[in-house]
Protein backbone atom coordinates (compact mmCIF):
# COMPACT_ATOMS: atom_id res chain seq x y z
CA MET A 1 -13.13 9.93 -27.81
CA GLU A 2 -16.86 10.56 -27.96
CA HIS A 3 -17.32 7.07 -25.63
CA LEU A 4 -15.43 8.44 -22.43
CA MET A 5 -16.16 11.24 -19.69
CA SER A 6 -13.23 13.50 -18.95
CA ILE A 7 -12.94 14.76 -15.76
CA GLU A 8 -11.67 17.47 -14.36
CA PRO A 9 -8.46 17.41 -11.68
CA ARG A 10 -8.71 18.98 -8.19
CA PRO A 11 -5.79 19.79 -5.67
CA ALA A 12 -5.21 17.17 -3.58
CA GLN A 13 -5.77 18.07 -0.18
CA ARG A 14 -2.90 17.99 2.74
CA GLN A 15 -4.73 15.83 4.37
CA GLU A 16 -5.17 13.43 1.99
CA LEU A 17 -1.34 13.76 1.22
CA GLU A 18 -0.93 12.75 4.95
CA LEU A 19 -2.46 9.63 4.58
CA VAL A 20 0.98 8.31 2.89
CA HIS A 21 3.48 11.35 3.13
CA SER A 22 4.63 12.71 6.12
CA ARG A 23 3.44 16.53 6.31
CA GLY A 24 7.17 17.54 6.62
CA TYR A 25 8.06 15.73 3.72
CA ILE A 26 5.13 17.31 2.11
CA ASP A 27 6.35 21.25 3.41
CA SER A 28 10.16 20.43 2.09
CA ILE A 29 8.54 19.37 -1.15
CA LYS A 30 6.42 22.66 -1.47
CA SER A 31 9.40 25.19 -0.50
CA ARG A 32 12.61 23.10 -2.31
CA CYS A 33 10.15 23.52 -5.47
CA GLU A 34 8.65 27.44 -5.06
CA ASN A 35 12.25 28.37 -4.29
CA GLY A 36 13.89 27.18 -7.19
CA VAL A 37 15.01 24.03 -6.46
CA THR A 38 16.16 21.87 -9.73
CA VAL A 39 16.61 17.89 -8.57
CA LEU A 40 15.08 16.56 -5.77
CA ASP A 41 17.02 13.38 -5.43
CA GLY A 42 20.25 11.91 -6.47
CA GLY A 43 19.91 13.26 -9.87
CA ASP A 44 16.73 11.41 -11.62
CA THR A 45 14.37 13.79 -10.70
CA ILE A 46 13.85 17.35 -11.57
CA VAL A 47 11.66 19.89 -11.12
CA SER A 48 10.26 23.62 -11.64
CA PRO A 49 8.69 26.49 -9.46
CA SER A 50 5.63 24.75 -10.78
CA SER A 51 6.16 20.94 -10.38
CA TYR A 52 4.34 20.99 -6.28
CA SER A 53 1.17 23.03 -7.95
CA VAL A 54 1.44 20.25 -10.59
CA ALA A 55 1.69 16.73 -8.50
CA LEU A 56 -1.10 18.64 -6.05
CA GLN A 57 -3.58 18.58 -9.30
CA ALA A 58 -2.68 14.84 -10.50
CA ALA A 59 -2.83 13.22 -6.45
CA GLY A 60 -6.01 15.03 -6.77
CA GLY A 61 -7.25 14.09 -10.17
CA VAL A 62 -6.69 10.10 -9.12
CA VAL A 63 -8.72 10.95 -5.06
CA ARG A 64 -11.72 12.75 -7.69
CA ALA A 65 -11.72 9.05 -9.77
CA VAL A 66 -11.56 7.70 -6.64
CA GLU A 67 -14.89 9.53 -4.91
CA MET A 68 -16.68 9.04 -8.52
CA ILE A 69 -16.50 5.06 -8.77
CA TYR A 70 -17.30 5.46 -5.51
CA ARG A 71 -20.29 7.49 -6.62
CA ARG A 72 -20.97 5.14 -8.62
CA GLU A 73 -20.85 8.00 -11.24
CA ILE A 74 -18.32 6.53 -13.49
CA SER A 75 -17.25 2.30 -13.07
CA ASN A 76 -14.02 2.90 -14.16
CA ALA A 77 -10.76 5.72 -14.51
CA PHE A 78 -7.99 5.69 -16.29
CA CYS A 79 -5.97 8.85 -14.72
CA ALA A 80 -3.10 10.15 -17.78
CA VAL A 81 -1.22 12.44 -14.63
CA ARG A 82 2.41 13.26 -14.60
CA PRO A 83 4.54 13.10 -12.70
CA PRO A 84 4.09 9.86 -11.89
CA GLY A 85 4.01 8.57 -8.24
CA HIS A 86 5.34 4.49 -7.89
CA HIS A 87 8.66 5.21 -6.52
CA ALA A 88 7.66 7.73 -4.24
CA GLU A 89 8.27 6.52 -1.16
CA ALA A 90 6.44 8.21 2.37
CA ASP A 91 9.56 10.66 2.79
CA THR A 92 11.60 10.19 -0.01
CA ALA A 93 10.85 11.61 -4.11
CA LYS A 94 12.27 9.31 -6.52
CA GLY A 95 12.47 8.03 -10.07
CA PHE A 96 10.50 11.18 -11.04
CA CYS A 97 7.95 10.52 -8.68
CA LEU A 98 7.17 13.61 -5.47
CA PHE A 99 3.73 12.33 -4.39
CA ASN A 100 2.58 8.26 -4.27
CA ASN A 101 -0.45 8.90 -6.66
CA ALA A 102 -1.80 4.93 -6.23
CA ALA A 103 -0.83 5.36 -2.71
CA VAL A 104 -2.87 7.96 -2.45
CA ALA A 105 -5.39 6.31 -4.36
CA ALA A 106 -6.13 3.31 -1.88
CA LYS A 107 -6.18 5.09 1.74
CA MET A 108 -8.40 7.43 0.57
CA ALA A 109 -10.34 4.28 -0.95
CA GLN A 110 -10.16 3.02 2.76
CA LYS A 111 -10.29 5.93 4.69
CA ALA A 112 -13.22 7.65 3.01
CA HIS A 113 -15.15 4.95 0.51
CA GLY A 114 -15.18 1.74 2.93
CA ALA A 115 -12.87 -0.36 0.74
CA ASP A 116 -11.53 -3.18 2.86
CA ARG A 117 -9.21 -5.11 0.51
CA ILE A 118 -7.13 -3.70 -2.11
CA LEU A 119 -4.92 -4.72 -5.33
CA ILE A 120 -2.36 -3.00 -6.53
CA LEU A 121 -1.39 -4.27 -9.95
CA ASP A 122 1.57 -2.32 -10.80
CA TRP A 123 3.14 -3.65 -14.73
CA ASP A 124 5.38 -0.16 -14.87
CA VAL A 125 9.24 -2.08 -16.06
CA HIS A 126 10.49 -0.70 -12.80
CA HIS A 127 9.98 -2.19 -10.35
CA GLY A 128 7.30 0.19 -7.55
CA ASN A 129 9.78 0.58 -4.57
CA GLY A 130 7.20 3.11 -2.54
CA THR A 131 4.17 1.61 -3.14
CA GLN A 132 5.68 -2.06 -1.78
CA HIS A 133 7.59 -0.33 1.29
CA ILE A 134 4.51 2.02 1.83
CA PHE A 135 1.68 -0.98 2.14
CA GLU A 136 4.43 -4.28 2.81
CA SER A 137 3.59 -4.21 6.61
CA ASP A 138 -0.79 -3.84 5.15
CA PRO A 139 -2.72 -7.20 4.91
CA THR A 140 -5.24 -5.02 3.72
CA VAL A 141 -2.85 -4.21 -0.17
CA HIS A 142 -1.85 -6.41 -1.64
CA TYR A 143 0.92 -5.61 -4.32
CA ILE A 144 1.85 -6.97 -7.24
CA SER A 145 4.31 -5.83 -9.88
CA LEU A 146 5.33 -7.66 -12.76
CA HIS A 147 9.20 -5.68 -13.60
CA GLN A 148 12.73 -5.78 -15.32
CA HIS A 149 15.01 -7.16 -12.86
CA PRO A 150 17.69 -6.34 -12.05
CA PHE A 151 17.50 -2.86 -12.90
CA TYR A 152 15.79 0.58 -11.90
CA PRO A 153 15.15 0.81 -9.04
CA GLY A 154 17.04 -2.04 -7.62
CA THR A 155 13.80 -3.57 -5.13
CA GLY A 156 11.51 -6.15 -6.67
CA ALA A 157 13.06 -9.47 -5.54
CA LYS A 158 11.36 -11.85 -5.74
CA ASN A 159 11.31 -13.15 -2.26
CA GLU A 160 9.86 -9.35 -1.67
CA THR A 161 7.09 -11.09 -0.31
CA GLY A 162 5.85 -7.98 2.79
CA LYS A 163 6.90 -8.21 6.46
CA GLY A 164 4.89 -8.31 9.37
CA ASP A 165 1.35 -8.63 9.38
CA GLY A 166 1.33 -7.89 5.42
CA LEU A 167 3.67 -10.63 5.07
CA GLY A 168 2.31 -12.60 1.54
CA ALA A 169 0.57 -9.68 0.54
CA THR A 170 3.66 -8.53 -1.79
CA THR A 171 3.85 -10.89 -4.99
CA ASN A 172 7.16 -9.96 -7.30
CA PHE A 173 7.36 -11.30 -10.81
CA PRO A 174 10.78 -9.84 -11.17
CA LEU A 175 11.81 -10.68 -15.17
CA SER A 176 14.87 -11.23 -17.38
CA ALA A 177 15.45 -8.43 -20.02
CA GLY A 178 14.41 -9.18 -23.54
CA GLY A 179 11.27 -10.69 -21.68
CA GLY A 180 8.42 -9.73 -23.64
CA ASP A 181 4.08 -11.43 -25.02
CA ASP A 182 4.92 -14.86 -23.80
CA VAL A 183 6.29 -14.00 -20.70
CA TYR A 184 3.28 -11.78 -19.92
CA ARG A 185 0.63 -13.71 -20.72
CA ASP A 186 1.82 -16.72 -19.32
CA ILE A 187 1.02 -14.53 -15.74
CA PHE A 188 -1.99 -12.95 -16.92
CA ASN A 189 -3.43 -16.03 -18.00
CA ASN A 190 -1.78 -18.48 -15.31
CA ALA A 191 -0.66 -16.82 -12.10
CA LEU A 192 -2.36 -13.63 -11.57
CA PRO A 193 -6.21 -14.74 -11.94
CA ASP A 194 -5.32 -17.45 -9.03
CA ILE A 195 -3.33 -15.06 -6.81
CA VAL A 196 -6.21 -11.63 -7.26
CA ALA A 197 -9.38 -14.25 -6.67
CA THR A 198 -7.83 -15.66 -3.50
CA PHE A 199 -7.20 -12.07 -2.27
CA LYS A 200 -10.59 -11.16 -3.56
CA PRO A 201 -9.89 -7.48 -3.60
CA ASP A 202 -13.22 -5.56 -4.17
CA PHE A 203 -11.01 -2.63 -5.59
CA ILE A 204 -8.50 -2.80 -8.06
CA ILE A 205 -6.14 -0.11 -8.83
CA LEU A 206 -3.13 -0.58 -11.61
CA SER A 207 -0.06 0.72 -11.87
CA ALA A 208 -0.31 1.10 -15.41
CA GLY A 209 3.61 1.72 -17.58
CA PHE A 210 3.90 1.58 -20.59
CA ASP A 211 7.30 1.80 -20.78
CA ALA A 212 7.75 -2.25 -20.76
CA HIS A 213 6.93 -1.60 -24.78
CA VAL A 214 8.53 -2.89 -27.50
CA ARG A 215 9.88 0.51 -28.78
CA ASP A 216 10.43 2.20 -25.52
CA PRO A 217 14.04 3.55 -25.21
CA ILE A 218 15.01 3.36 -21.28
CA ALA A 219 14.08 -0.15 -20.48
CA ASN A 220 15.25 -3.62 -22.16
CA MET A 221 12.01 -5.83 -22.36
CA ASN A 222 9.47 -6.43 -25.44
CA VAL A 223 5.84 -6.28 -24.73
CA SER A 224 3.59 -5.39 -27.45
CA THR A 225 0.80 -3.19 -27.71
CA GLU A 226 -1.61 -6.47 -28.57
CA CYS A 227 -0.12 -7.72 -25.30
CA PHE A 228 -1.17 -4.28 -23.17
CA THR A 229 -4.74 -4.56 -24.54
CA GLU A 230 -5.31 -8.62 -23.29
CA MET A 231 -3.51 -7.32 -19.97
CA THR A 232 -6.02 -4.78 -19.56
CA ALA A 233 -8.92 -7.18 -20.75
CA VAL A 234 -8.03 -9.89 -17.92
CA MET A 235 -7.84 -7.26 -14.81
CA ALA A 236 -10.78 -5.58 -16.22
CA THR A 237 -12.45 -8.63 -16.00
CA LEU A 238 -11.53 -9.56 -12.76
CA ALA A 239 -12.59 -6.49 -11.36
CA THR A 240 -16.44 -6.73 -12.75
CA GLU A 241 -15.91 -10.97 -11.18
CA LEU A 242 -14.92 -9.56 -8.01
CA CYS A 243 -15.44 -5.47 -7.25
CA ASP A 244 -18.32 -4.70 -9.29
CA GLY A 245 -16.18 -3.48 -12.20
CA ARG A 246 -14.18 -0.99 -9.63
CA LEU A 247 -11.06 -0.50 -11.51
CA LEU A 248 -9.09 2.47 -11.40
CA SER A 249 -5.65 3.00 -13.77
CA LEU A 250 -2.93 5.02 -13.15
CA LEU A 251 -0.39 6.61 -15.28
CA GLU A 252 3.71 5.69 -14.54
CA GLY A 253 5.90 5.29 -17.18
CA GLY A 254 6.12 5.11 -20.83
CA TYR A 255 9.09 7.19 -22.71
CA ASP A 256 8.07 6.64 -26.71
CA LEU A 257 5.42 8.59 -27.83
CA LYS A 258 3.97 6.23 -30.53
CA GLY A 259 4.40 2.96 -27.97
CA LEU A 260 2.72 5.33 -25.68
CA SER A 261 0.22 6.38 -27.50
CA ASP A 262 -1.02 2.99 -28.51
CA SER A 263 -1.22 1.44 -25.62
CA VAL A 264 -3.11 3.81 -23.77
CA ALA A 265 -5.82 4.41 -26.68
CA ALA A 266 -5.86 0.49 -26.32
CA HIS A 267 -6.23 0.31 -22.89
CA LEU A 268 -9.23 3.27 -22.53
CA GLY A 269 -10.90 1.00 -25.49
CA LYS A 270 -11.06 -2.50 -22.89
CA LEU A 271 -12.07 -0.32 -19.62
CA THR A 272 -14.62 0.88 -21.99
CA GLU A 273 -15.94 -2.14 -23.84
CA ALA A 274 -15.70 -3.66 -19.85
CA VAL A 275 -17.94 -0.40 -19.26
CA ALA A 276 -20.48 -1.23 -22.11
CA ARG A 277 -20.53 -5.21 -21.33
CA ALA A 278 -21.70 -4.88 -17.21
């Protein structure tokens, strides 16, 4: 912790959220939370009266980190936020997610800070349906996901590669249950660097869920803490080589506290090393 800067979040502004979500959807989330609705979707997005304000802080904290990266106050950041975001569609809450934090970060980087080409890498064990759908027609944002498949939420097949102008700017790596370090290392060492280098991003966002961990009770993958460390190192190196170190990592899933805490600590260690080497 002595090597880290602690950043206080601030609530996301309405105009920031509206870059991704409709006004009606935002109003609906606010109203339903504050009026005591307890379930927002088919049963897995539970909320309390404070959930809307907490979700604003999560999205706003992410936006603040983007601001600080582009002001060169920091090189990279890890946002330990809840609720997560990658299942949230433009108009639908899903999978514990209210607002799509990664999508808001990407849109703000482009609108407010002149980012041109953004890479979003999602290694959460569940496919980020919301992030994919928000950007699937956008050639300026390349979404890459590694996820257990078939599995919740049912999206993320290999043939989902984008639509219209965004065709080719979505890459899915659907992985069979039981896969572990060897599978992930192969992708990160052999396939991923070429995809990222070809796209030439000027900003990298990680949807860093740690629920593919071998200890995690929700999924069936077997990734070790050490492998998450190696995955972080690959992405930090690519950020250094391609976009002046600009990398934003956002917490998505992770449901075993030891697996999650150990992996986040290792993740932070590699991000800190990247800054020290720069």
